[in-house]
C-alpha atoms as a PDB file:
ATOM      1  CA  MET A   1      42.346  17.298   0.063  1.00  0.00           C
ATOM      2  CA  GLY A   2      45.895  18.420   0.598  1.00  0.00           C
ATOM      3  CA  THR A   3      46.799  21.676   2.224  1.00  0.00           C
ATOM      4  CA  ALA A   4      49.089  24.246   0.655  1.00  0.00           C
ATOM      5  CA  SER A   5      50.728  27.120   2.404  1.00  0.00           C
ATOM      6  CA  CYS A   6      50.084  30.616   1.217  1.00  0.00           C
ATOM      7  CA  LYS A   7      52.435  33.472   2.056  1.00  0.00           C
ATOM      8  CA  ARG A   8      49.862  36.108   1.261  1.00  0.00           C
ATOM      9  CA  THR A   9      47.141  36.979   3.785  1.00  0.00           C
ATOM     10  CA  CYS A  10      43.770  37.845   2.360  1.00  0.00           C
ATOM     11  CA  ASN A  11      40.845  39.358   4.118  1.00  0.00           C
ATOM     12  CA  LEU A  12      37.791  37.923   2.388  1.00  0.00           C
ATOM     13  CA  PRO A  13      34.290  38.048   3.839  1.00  0.00           C
ATOM     14  CA  PHE A  14      33.064  34.461   4.027  1.00  0.00           C
ATOM     15  CA  THR A  15      29.537  33.642   5.059  1.00  0.00           C
ATOM     16  CA  PHE A  16      28.711  30.517   7.005  1.00  0.00           C
ATOM     17  CA  GLU A  17      27.175  29.049   3.853  1.00  0.00           C
ATOM     18  CA  ASP A  18      30.458  29.653   1.978  1.00  0.00           C
ATOM     19  CA  VAL A  19      32.410  27.808   4.656  1.00  0.00           C
ATOM     20  CA  LEU A  20      29.833  25.025   4.757  1.00  0.00           C
ATOM     21  CA  LYS A  21      30.035  24.568   0.995  1.00  0.00           C
ATOM     22  CA  LEU A  22      33.829  24.412   1.260  1.00  0.00           C
ATOM     23  CA  VAL A  23      33.686  21.843   4.091  1.00  0.00           C
ATOM     24  CA  LYS A  24      31.294  19.673   2.080  1.00  0.00           C
ATOM     25  CA  SER A  25      33.905  19.491  -0.654  1.00  0.00           C
ATOM     26  CA  PHE A  26      36.513  18.057   1.776  1.00  0.00           C
ATOM     27  CA  SER A  27      37.463  14.406   1.820  1.00  0.00           C
ATOM     28  CA  ILE A  28      36.138  12.343   4.721  1.00  0.00           C
ATOM     29  CA  GLU A  29      39.635  12.333   6.275  1.00  0.00           C
ATOM     30  CA  ASP A  30      39.796  16.138   6.221  1.00  0.00           C
ATOM     31  CA  LYS A  31      36.270  16.347   7.644  1.00  0.00           C
ATOM     32  CA  VAL A  32      37.336  14.106  10.537  1.00  0.00           C
ATOM     33  CA  ARG A  33      40.396  16.288  11.155  1.00  0.00           C
ATOM     34  CA  LEU A  34      38.207  19.393  11.103  1.00  0.00           C
ATOM     35  CA  GLU A  35      35.735  17.746  13.471  1.00  0.00           C
ATOM     36  CA  LYS A  36      38.523  17.026  15.980  1.00  0.00           C
ATOM     37  CA  GLU A  37      39.750  20.599  15.794  1.00  0.00           C
ATOM     38  CA  LEU A  38      36.245  21.958  16.299  1.00  0.00           C
ATOM     39  CA  GLU A  39      35.771  19.668  19.301  1.00  0.00           C
ATOM     40  CA  LYS A  40      38.961  21.075  20.859  1.00  0.00           C
ATOM     41  CA  GLU A  41      37.873  24.644  20.145  1.00  0.00           C
ATOM     42  CA  THR A  42      34.391  24.217  21.612  1.00  0.00           C
ATOM     43  CA  LEU A  43      35.085  21.920  24.576  1.00  0.00           C
ATOM     44  CA  GLY A  44      35.027  24.694  27.186  1.00  0.00           C
ATOM     45  CA  TYR A  45      31.828  26.195  25.796  1.00  0.00           C
ATOM     46  CA  ARG A  46      30.060  22.829  25.605  1.00  0.00           C
ATOM     47  CA  SER A  47      31.075  21.854  29.138  1.00  0.00           C
ATOM     48  CA  ARG A  48      29.824  25.198  30.552  1.00  0.00           C
ATOM     49  CA  LYS A  49      26.488  24.751  28.763  1.00  0.00           C
ATOM     50  CA  MET A  50      26.149  21.206  30.086  1.00  0.00           C
ATOM     51  CA  SER A  51      26.940  22.345  33.637  1.00  0.00           C
ATOM     52  CA  GLU A  52      24.205  24.978  33.398  1.00  0.00           C
ATOM     53  CA  ARG A  53      21.639  22.332  32.416  1.00  0.00           C
ATOM     54  CA  ILE A  54      22.513  19.850  35.152  1.00  0.00           C
ATOM     55  CA  LYS A  55      20.503  20.380  38.307  1.00  0.00           C
ATOM     56  CA  ALA A  56      22.084  19.920  41.705  1.00  0.00           C
ATOM     57  CA  ASN A  57      21.298  16.607  43.358  1.00  0.00           C
ATOM     58  CA  ASP A  58      20.337  17.228  46.955  1.00  0.00           C
ATOM     59  CA  LEU A  59      18.828  13.802  47.628  1.00  0.00           C
ATOM     60  CA  THR A  60      19.994  12.049  50.741  1.00  0.00           C
ATOM     61  CA  THR A  61      20.003   8.338  51.458  1.00  0.00           C
ATOM     62  CA  ASP A  62      17.158   8.937  53.919  1.00  0.00           C
ATOM     63  CA  ASP A  63      15.104  10.564  51.132  1.00  0.00           C
ATOM     64  CA  ILE A  64      15.667   7.567  48.877  1.00  0.00           C
ATOM     65  CA  VAL A  65      14.817   5.057  51.612  1.00  0.00           C
ATOM     66  CA  ALA A  66      11.628   6.976  52.447  1.00  0.00           C
ATOM     67  CA  GLU A  67      10.634   7.068  48.762  1.00  0.00           C
ATOM     68  CA  VAL A  68      11.236   3.335  48.306  1.00  0.00           C
ATOM     69  CA  THR A  69       9.384   2.511  51.503  1.00  0.00           C
ATOM     70  CA  GLU A  70       6.399   4.612  50.423  1.00  0.00           C
ATOM     71  CA  TYR A  71       6.364   2.928  47.011  1.00  0.00           C
ATOM     72  CA  ARG A  72       6.499  -0.558  48.537  1.00  0.00           C
ATOM     73  CA  GLU A  73       3.684   0.255  50.946  1.00  0.00           C
ATOM     74  CA  LYS A  74       1.488   1.486  48.095  1.00  0.00           C
ATOM     75  CA  ARG A  75       2.369  -1.523  45.959  1.00  0.00           C
ATOM     76  CA  ASN A  76       1.642  -3.940  48.778  1.00  0.00           C
ATOM     77  CA  ALA A  77      -1.672  -2.206  49.521  1.00  0.00           C
ATOM     78  CA  LEU A  78      -2.741  -2.764  45.901  1.00  0.00           C
ATOM     79  CA  GLN A  79      -1.719  -6.434  46.004  1.00  0.00           C
ATOM     80  CA  PRO A  80      -3.184  -7.866  49.235  1.00  0.00           C
ATOM     81  CA  ASN A  81      -1.842 -11.385  48.573  1.00  0.00           C
ATOM     82  CA  HIS A  82       1.618 -10.066  47.802  1.00  0.00           C
ATOM     83  CA  LYS A  83       4.227 -10.850  50.394  1.00  0.00           C
ATOM     84  CA  SER A  84       7.302  -8.705  50.332  1.00  0.00           C
ATOM     85  CA  ARG A  85      10.453 -10.749  49.967  1.00  0.00           C
ATOM     86  CA  ILE A  86      12.279  -8.422  52.308  1.00  0.00           C
ATOM     87  CA  THR A  87      10.162  -7.427  55.257  1.00  0.00           C
ATOM     88  CA  ASN A  88      13.096  -6.585  57.479  1.00  0.00           C
ATOM     89  CA  PRO A  89      16.363  -5.860  55.689  1.00  0.00           C
ATOM     90  CA  GLU A  90      18.428  -6.583  58.820  1.00  0.00           C
ATOM     91  CA  SER A  91      16.964 -10.061  59.236  1.00  0.00           C
ATOM     92  CA  GLN A  92      17.511 -10.695  55.529  1.00  0.00           C
ATOM     93  CA  VAL A  93      21.226  -9.953  55.937  1.00  0.00           C
ATOM     94  CA  GLN A  94      21.440 -12.224  58.979  1.00  0.00           C
ATOM     95  CA  ASN A  95      19.658 -15.044  57.125  1.00  0.00           C
ATOM     96  CA  HIS A  96      22.046 -14.701  54.217  1.00  0.00           C
ATOM     97  CA  LYS A  97      25.085 -14.801  56.507  1.00  0.00           C
ATOM     98  CA  SER A  98      23.846 -17.949  58.214  1.00  0.00           C
ATOM     99  CA  ARG A  99      23.457 -19.707  54.835  1.00  0.00           C
ATOM    100  CA  VAL A 100      26.955 -18.853  53.624  1.00  0.00           C
ATOM    101  CA  THR A 101      29.369 -21.659  54.317  1.00  0.00           C
ATOM    102  CA  SER A 102      33.104 -21.523  54.434  1.00  0.00           C
ATOM    103  CA  PRO A 103      35.182 -23.364  51.827  1.00  0.00           C
ATOM    104  CA  GLU A 104      36.542 -25.658  54.558  1.00  0.00           C
ATOM    105  CA  SER A 105      33.069 -26.805  55.608  1.00  0.00           C
ATOM    106  CA  GLN A 106      32.207 -27.557  51.960  1.00  0.00           C
ATOM    107  CA  ILE A 107      35.256 -29.788  51.648  1.00  0.00           C
ATOM    108  CA  ASN A 108      34.455 -31.666  54.852  1.00  0.00           C
ATOM    109  CA  ASN A 109      30.886 -32.435  53.732  1.00  0.00           C
END
């Protein structure tokens, strides 16, 4: 739908349904253009509403570690034959480091 300029200003009372009916008559290209304009117009409002819904995150790393530890203890208590793959994270890191070989040692072997 092409747009034409009008030099006369009219003050007509449109209802939302009138505007909606008009928008439904637009081509898909004009609807996309209108959508982009509406997004620009409402960006500030939508971002404020989203900020109001988002709760502050006051979790610390210690909280997360405690939660994971508690979960693992409960899980392990329910599965008596289950052995945790990582019993001591520090030893796991050391074991991994000792298994990593340098590129030079791989060439020499």
